[in-house]
Amino acid sequence: MVFEELLHYITTEYRAMKTTIYKIALAVSFFTFGVLQSNAEAPKRNSIIFFEVDDWVDVYVDGKKVFRQAAAEGNLGEEVEFDLNPFIKGKIDPIVEIKLTNSKCHTCETGNGWKVEFEVYQEDESVDYIIEEGDSIGGSVVFTIEYDWGYI
């Protein structure tokens, strides 16, 4: 009888200990996963922030148009940030091109002013800040700049 009680006690304690070990292992797993997820590196900022655009700007990556922003008379209302990450991810040294088009002004006799102001971020660092303006009758691309993204 003592032997059976001892065996029952050992078996019960073993099961309880086994359950506790599984619970601890599960808790440690969740904790480790959470820590690893919170420490995962966020993608670096690769973007263009437009402050002024008159009349519209297009962004191309390797010759494919990926973004267009228009504004009446250079008034965006607020800055517009375009995230390049989805378009440059996995590419080796993509070419990023920015083109500003000035609308044709049918009532302008002497010219039609245009302006573009933007800042370029590569890997979280500001690498270029551009303010360009001019005058043209319009209806065509008036400003173009190209970035060889791997060599800025």
Protein backbone atom coordinates (compact mmCIF):
# COMPACT_ATOMS: atom_id res chain seq x y z
CA MET A 1 0.00 0.00 0.00
CA VAL A 2 2.79 2.43 0.82
CA PHE A 3 4.44 1.59 -2.47
CA GLU A 4 1.22 2.31 -4.41
CA GLU A 5 0.74 5.63 -2.60
CA LEU A 6 4.35 6.57 -3.28
CA LEU A 7 3.98 5.62 -6.95
CA HIS A 8 0.73 7.62 -7.20
CA TYR A 9 2.38 10.64 -5.54
CA ILE A 10 5.41 10.47 -7.85
CA THR A 11 3.21 10.10 -10.94
CA THR A 12 0.98 13.03 -9.93
CA GLU A 13 3.96 15.25 -9.15
CA TYR A 14 5.63 14.26 -12.42
CA ARG A 15 2.53 15.22 -14.42
CA ALA A 16 2.23 18.55 -12.57
CA MET A 17 5.92 19.25 -13.08
CA LYS A 18 5.66 18.30 -16.76
CA THR A 19 2.69 20.67 -17.23
CA THR A 20 4.57 23.46 -15.45
CA ILE A 21 7.64 22.91 -17.63
CA TYR A 22 5.48 23.14 -20.77
CA LYS A 23 3.87 26.35 -19.51
CA ILE A 24 7.28 27.87 -18.73
CA ALA A 25 8.63 26.83 -22.13
CA LEU A 26 5.61 28.33 -23.87
CA ALA A 27 5.94 31.59 -21.90
CA VAL A 28 9.67 31.80 -22.71
CA SER A 29 8.91 31.18 -26.39
CA PHE A 30 6.32 33.97 -26.52
CA PHE A 31 8.63 36.35 -24.66
CA THR A 32 11.56 35.58 -26.97
CA PHE A 33 9.41 36.01 -30.07
CA GLY A 34 8.11 39.34 -28.76
CA VAL A 35 11.60 40.63 -28.00
CA LEU A 36 12.87 39.57 -31.40
CA GLN A 37 9.93 41.21 -33.14
CA SER A 38 10.33 44.47 -31.24
CA ASN A 39 14.07 44.51 -32.00
CA ALA A 40 13.56 43.76 -35.69
CA GLU A 41 15.13 46.52 -37.73
CA ALA A 42 12.59 48.89 -39.23
CA PRO A 43 13.10 49.68 -42.89
CA LYS A 44 15.38 52.62 -43.53
CA ARG A 45 13.81 55.80 -44.82
CA ASN A 46 14.18 56.05 -48.59
CA SER A 47 11.83 58.78 -49.65
CA ILE A 48 11.25 62.10 -51.32
CA ILE A 49 9.43 64.88 -49.48
CA PHE A 50 7.82 67.45 -51.75
CA PHE A 51 7.27 70.91 -50.29
CA GLU A 52 6.25 72.81 -53.44
CA VAL A 53 5.18 71.59 -56.87
CA ASP A 54 3.95 73.77 -59.73
CA ASP A 55 2.24 72.15 -61.60
CA TRP A 56 2.91 68.40 -61.26
CA VAL A 57 5.77 66.06 -60.56
CA ASP A 58 6.33 62.47 -61.63
CA VAL A 59 8.75 60.01 -60.04
CA TYR A 60 10.19 57.13 -62.05
CA VAL A 61 12.18 54.12 -60.86
CA ASP A 62 14.16 52.42 -63.62
CA GLY A 63 12.00 54.18 -66.20
CA LYS A 64 8.63 53.14 -64.73
CA LYS A 65 6.34 55.87 -63.38
CA VAL A 66 5.61 55.08 -59.71
CA PHE A 67 4.24 58.39 -58.40
CA ARG A 68 2.48 61.57 -59.51
CA GLN A 69 1.60 64.61 -57.43
CA ALA A 70 -0.18 67.67 -58.76
CA ALA A 71 -0.76 71.04 -57.13
CA ALA A 72 -2.47 74.17 -58.34
CA GLU A 73 -0.05 77.07 -58.49
CA GLY A 74 2.52 75.35 -56.32
CA ASN A 75 0.18 74.98 -53.37
CA LEU A 76 0.29 71.46 -51.99
CA GLY A 77 -1.37 72.54 -48.78
CA GLU A 78 1.08 70.38 -46.84
CA GLU A 79 4.25 68.49 -47.58
CA VAL A 80 3.88 65.16 -49.34
CA GLU A 81 6.26 62.28 -48.62
CA PHE A 82 6.67 59.53 -51.19
CA ASP A 83 8.08 56.26 -49.83
CA LEU A 84 10.46 54.68 -52.34
CA ASN A 85 11.07 51.47 -50.36
CA PRO A 86 8.46 49.30 -52.13
CA PHE A 87 9.85 50.35 -55.53
CA ILE A 88 13.59 49.98 -54.85
CA LYS A 89 13.53 46.90 -52.62
CA GLY A 90 15.57 44.10 -54.11
CA LYS A 91 16.92 46.23 -56.95
CA ILE A 92 20.61 46.80 -57.42
CA ASP A 93 21.39 50.49 -57.94
CA PRO A 94 17.99 51.61 -59.25
CA ILE A 95 17.73 54.88 -61.15
CA VAL A 96 15.26 57.32 -59.53
CA GLU A 97 14.17 60.19 -61.74
CA ILE A 98 12.06 63.21 -60.83
CA LYS A 99 10.36 65.24 -63.57
CA LEU A 100 8.41 68.46 -63.14
CA THR A 101 5.85 69.46 -65.76
CA ASN A 102 4.52 72.99 -66.06
CA SER A 103 0.97 73.25 -67.41
CA LYS A 104 0.45 75.20 -70.59
CA CYS A 105 -0.94 78.65 -69.90
CA HIS A 106 -3.13 79.88 -72.74
CA THR A 107 -3.71 83.28 -71.16
CA CYS A 108 -0.07 84.01 -70.30
CA GLU A 109 1.60 86.39 -72.75
CA THR A 110 5.12 86.45 -71.35
CA GLY A 111 5.53 83.27 -69.37
CA ASN A 112 4.24 80.87 -66.82
CA GLY A 113 6.26 80.44 -63.62
CA TRP A 114 7.07 77.03 -62.20
CA LYS A 115 8.70 75.82 -59.00
CA VAL A 116 9.72 72.59 -57.34
CA GLU A 117 11.09 72.09 -53.82
CA PHE A 118 11.91 68.69 -52.37
CA GLU A 119 14.27 66.76 -50.11
CA VAL A 120 15.66 63.30 -50.80
CA TYR A 121 16.31 60.76 -48.03
CA GLN A 122 18.46 57.69 -48.53
CA GLU A 123 18.93 55.19 -45.69
CA ASP A 124 17.52 57.68 -43.12
CA GLU A 125 19.87 60.51 -44.17
CA SER A 126 19.02 63.66 -46.09
CA VAL A 127 21.19 63.47 -49.20
CA ASP A 128 19.80 66.29 -51.34
CA TYR A 129 17.60 69.37 -51.03
CA ILE A 130 16.44 71.06 -54.21
CA ILE A 131 14.66 74.34 -54.88
CA GLU A 132 14.35 75.17 -58.56
CA GLU A 133 12.14 77.68 -60.28
CA GLY A 134 11.80 79.24 -63.66
CA ASP A 135 9.47 80.59 -66.28
CA SER A 136 8.13 78.96 -69.42
CA ILE A 137 5.05 78.98 -71.57
CA GLY A 138 4.45 75.48 -70.18
CA GLY A 139 3.04 72.27 -71.49
CA SER A 140 6.28 70.37 -71.13
CA VAL A 141 8.82 68.97 -68.68
CA VAL A 142 10.74 71.92 -67.27
CA PHE A 143 12.92 70.19 -64.66
CA THR A 144 14.50 66.74 -64.48
CA ILE A 145 16.93 65.22 -62.04
CA GLU A 146 18.19 61.65 -61.89
CA TYR A 147 19.63 59.77 -58.92
CA ASP A 148 21.67 56.62 -59.29
CA TRP A 149 20.31 55.34 -55.96
CA GLY A 150 23.29 53.18 -55.07
CA TYR A 151 25.76 56.04 -55.56
CA ILE A 152 24.18 59.16 -54.12
